[in-house]
Every structure is written in structure tokens, then in C-alpha cells.
């Protein structure tokens, strides 16, 4: 793509599978009435270090709507 923007980071194709790295996952409970509300419920952030095992998932911040 010919975007006039510089993107920082490293290509996935150049990552070493044994290098330690952190990833983040965000989880929220979908609600059927969410289409009628302005905000979602709380969003839980998880930090994943290493493999995908449950022991690598660490709960971090919780994002909630502030009035």
C-alpha cells in the first residue's frame, strides 16, 4: 500500500517465535440491549506473556464508562 505514513514496529515475518513478547486481549460481555445504549459494559484487559496457556494470562485494567 502506498500510504504516506510511517508505521513503527516489526514485521510478523521477522519475529522470532522464541522471543518473549506481550500481547493484550480485551473481553466484554455482549448484551442484547447494547444496540440501544451509548456504552458497553466493563471491558477487562488481559496481558498475555509467552505461550497461550491460561497461566500466561494476567488480568490488568478494567475499563468502565465514567459519567
C-alpha atoms as a PDB file:
ATOM      1  CA  UNK A   1       0.000   0.000   0.000  1.00  0.00           C
ATOM      2  CA  UNK A   2       1.193   3.463  -0.733  1.00  0.00           C
ATOM      3  CA  UNK A   3       0.240   5.229   2.490  1.00  0.00           C
ATOM      4  CA  UNK A   4       2.037   8.462   3.360  1.00  0.00           C
ATOM      5  CA  UNK A   5       2.570   7.207   6.902  1.00  0.00           C
ATOM      6  CA  UNK A   6       5.450   5.565   8.762  1.00  0.00           C
ATOM      7  CA  UNK A   7       4.395   2.608  10.912  1.00  0.00           C
ATOM      8  CA  UNK A   8       6.629   1.584  13.800  1.00  0.00           C
ATOM      9  CA  UNK A   9       7.086  -1.989  14.861  1.00  0.00           C
ATOM     10  CA  UNK A  10       8.432  -5.199  13.445  1.00  0.00           C
ATOM     11  CA  UNK A  11       7.092  -7.363  10.648  1.00  0.00           C
ATOM     12  CA  UNK A  12       5.391 -10.558  11.813  1.00  0.00           C
ATOM     13  CA  UNK A  13       7.504 -12.388   9.281  1.00  0.00           C
ATOM     14  CA  UNK A  14      10.658 -11.251  11.087  1.00  0.00           C
ATOM     15  CA  UNK A  15       9.619 -12.141  14.645  1.00  0.00           C
ATOM     16  CA  UNK A  16      11.499 -14.975  16.337  1.00  0.00           C
ATOM     17  CA  UNK A  17       8.964 -17.386  17.800  1.00  0.00           C
ATOM     18  CA  UNK A  18      11.148 -17.795  20.908  1.00  0.00           C
ATOM     19  CA  UNK A  19      11.421 -14.075  21.670  1.00  0.00           C
ATOM     20  CA  UNK A  20       9.400 -13.001  24.720  1.00  0.00           C
ATOM     21  CA  UNK A  21       6.613 -10.598  23.877  1.00  0.00           C
ATOM     22  CA  UNK A  22       3.482  -9.210  25.440  1.00  0.00           C
ATOM     23  CA  UNK A  23       0.072  -9.248  23.839  1.00  0.00           C
ATOM     24  CA  UNK A  24      -3.184  -7.761  25.050  1.00  0.00           C
ATOM     25  CA  UNK A  25      -6.718  -9.115  24.859  1.00  0.00           C
ATOM     26  CA  UNK A  26      -9.877  -7.229  25.776  1.00  0.00           C
ATOM     27  CA  UNK A  27     -13.009  -9.032  26.938  1.00  0.00           C
ATOM     28  CA  UNK A  28     -16.504  -7.726  27.490  1.00  0.00           C
ATOM     29  CA  UNK A  29     -19.900  -9.325  27.964  1.00  0.00           C
ATOM     30  CA  UNK A  30     -22.073  -8.693  24.928  1.00  0.00           C
ATOM     31  CA  UNK A  31     -25.567  -7.586  25.875  1.00  0.00           C
ATOM     32  CA  UNK A  32     -28.581  -7.963  23.652  1.00  0.00           C
ATOM     33  CA  UNK A  33     -29.790  -4.455  24.531  1.00  0.00           C
ATOM     34  CA  UNK A  34     -26.369  -2.957  23.702  1.00  0.00           C
ATOM     35  CA  UNK A  35     -27.748  -1.545  20.455  1.00  0.00           C
ATOM     36  CA  UNK A  36     -29.963   0.820  22.449  1.00  0.00           C
ATOM     37  CA  UNK A  37     -27.263   2.016  24.875  1.00  0.00           C
ATOM     38  CA  UNK A  38     -24.474   4.512  24.316  1.00  0.00           C
ATOM     39  CA  UNK A  39     -21.787   2.488  26.096  1.00  0.00           C
ATOM     40  CA  UNK A  40     -20.812  -1.119  26.594  1.00  0.00           C
ATOM     41  CA  UNK A  41     -20.398  -2.734  29.978  1.00  0.00           C
ATOM     42  CA  UNK A  42     -17.000  -3.094  31.657  1.00  0.00           C
ATOM     43  CA  UNK A  43     -14.096  -4.189  29.459  1.00  0.00           C
ATOM     44  CA  UNK A  44     -11.434  -6.405  31.065  1.00  0.00           C
ATOM     45  CA  UNK A  45      -7.872  -6.116  29.790  1.00  0.00           C
ATOM     46  CA  UNK A  46      -5.576  -9.157  29.909  1.00  0.00           C
ATOM     47  CA  UNK A  47      -1.824  -9.162  29.356  1.00  0.00           C
ATOM     48  CA  UNK A  48      -0.509 -12.375  27.807  1.00  0.00           C
ATOM     49  CA  UNK A  49       3.196 -13.099  28.149  1.00  0.00           C
ATOM     50  CA  UNK A  50       4.688 -16.106  26.438  1.00  0.00           C
ATOM     51  CA  UNK A  51       2.540 -19.008  25.372  1.00  0.00           C
ATOM     52  CA  UNK A  52      -1.243 -19.102  25.202  1.00  0.00           C
ATOM     53  CA  UNK A  53      -1.611 -21.155  28.397  1.00  0.00           C
ATOM     54  CA  UNK A  54      -4.056 -19.834  30.973  1.00  0.00           C
ATOM     55  CA  UNK A  55      -1.160 -19.181  33.371  1.00  0.00           C
ATOM     56  CA  UNK A  56       0.213 -16.606  30.909  1.00  0.00           C
ATOM     57  CA  UNK A  57      -2.996 -14.523  31.066  1.00  0.00           C
ATOM     58  CA  UNK A  58      -2.847 -11.802  33.716  1.00  0.00           C
ATOM     59  CA  UNK A  59      -5.898  -9.613  34.376  1.00  0.00           C
ATOM     60  CA  UNK A  60      -4.984  -5.935  34.197  1.00  0.00           C
ATOM     61  CA  UNK A  61      -7.187  -2.860  33.896  1.00  0.00           C
ATOM     62  CA  UNK A  62     -10.973  -2.748  33.801  1.00  0.00           C
ATOM     63  CA  UNK A  63     -12.429  -0.022  31.617  1.00  0.00           C
ATOM     64  CA  UNK A  64     -15.819   1.305  32.658  1.00  0.00           C
ATOM     65  CA  UNK A  65     -17.957   4.161  31.432  1.00  0.00           C
ATOM     66  CA  UNK A  66     -17.438   7.296  33.504  1.00  0.00           C
ATOM     67  CA  UNK A  67     -20.342   9.716  33.918  1.00  0.00           C
END
